[in-house]
Amino acid sequence: MDFGLVLQTDPPAWSVVDRMRRAEQLGFTHGWTFDSCVLWQEPFVIHSQILAATERLRVGTMVTNPITRDWTVTASAFATLNDMFGNRTVCGIGRGDSAVRVTGGKPTTLAALEQAMHVIKGLAEGQEVLLHGTKVKLPWVRDGSLPMWMGAYGPKALDLVGRQADGFILQLADPYLTRWMVDHVRQAAREAGRDPSSITVCVAAPAYVGDDLAHAREQCRWFGGMVGNHVADLVARYGSDTDAVPSELTEYIKDRQDYDYSHHGRAGNRSTEFVPDEIVDRFCLLGSAQAHVDKLQELRDAGVDQFALYAMHDAIDSTVEAYGESVIPALS
């Protein structure tokens, strides 16, 4: 199993770079950042410094979207980083959440996301693509490679992952739901004539190493609220009483009300008080280092190739160190 570290690009940017450098030393293979340009600093500028400060770490967005950035700009940014530092980037992408909603927008359609993934990947890899009826190519790209990893929850989005994406990003660490969604992606890949094993599966969730479970839950409860934004979209589309999406994913948002994006992804977000302890325990990794190892073994058995650790709490450095000392050696 590979390991990634996910950070928000809060200032000072150099602290993000320093933590990613340390993560590589501890055995992490991927460094990820949010891409929400109003709430946090510009990730691609920071990515260049992370790549310069590391030797092997692969760097990417968790996740960008096709709305707030022109597709050609996204492709050029990734391709430029690859040209400077070797092919060490990954484009994590989704329909759009905080980056879109804080400016009054809405997530894009799956059809637009499908086209965007094709255009961004093609351009970043030096191919000619058709964009709005015009043939476009980045003439300076040589031997480019840009894996496209897509975030998804619902059945239609999972189908798109199976048909087109190089990787699947699932933002929760519940073994049952992970197995259900991985099976769906793999079946979609088979139906599209693809090798299901060619799709990298990445589970991304908060991890907090420590003995005070009550405190750890409060530090990570925000994550259930963030996932709840996507779940609310699923319920609006499919209804709350449907076989399309497991009730284990949808039932907990019944008391969800308004969500404050100004506190998105942060401990203490009052918009996430509706999230019960059970969901925090299921969606996140809490407790001793051995408890993390045990749950990660379950996730690996469910088909997970990488665990990306969301470090948005008051024990970032101690948790990352614990992973490097105990968790990664047990699972790598």
Foldseek 3Di string as FASTA:
>chain_A
DAEEAEEECAPPNVVLLVVLLVLVVLRHQEYEYEDQVVLHPHVLVSVLSNLVSHQGHAYEYPAAECPPDPLLVLLVSQLVSCVVRNQRYEHEYEQDDLNAPVVPHDGDDVVVRLVSVVSSQQQSQFHWDQDPNDTDHDNPGDRGGYFYEYEDAFLVVLLSCLQDGQEYEYAFQFLVSLLVSLVSSLVSVVVNVHHSLSYAYEYEAAADEDAPLVQVLLFRLLSLVVLQVVLVVVCVVANQDDPRHDNVSNVQCPVQDDADSSQHPARPRPSRPSHDSVRSVRGYHYYHLVSNLVSVVSNVVSPHDYYYHHQHGDCRPVRSVSCSVPRVVVPD
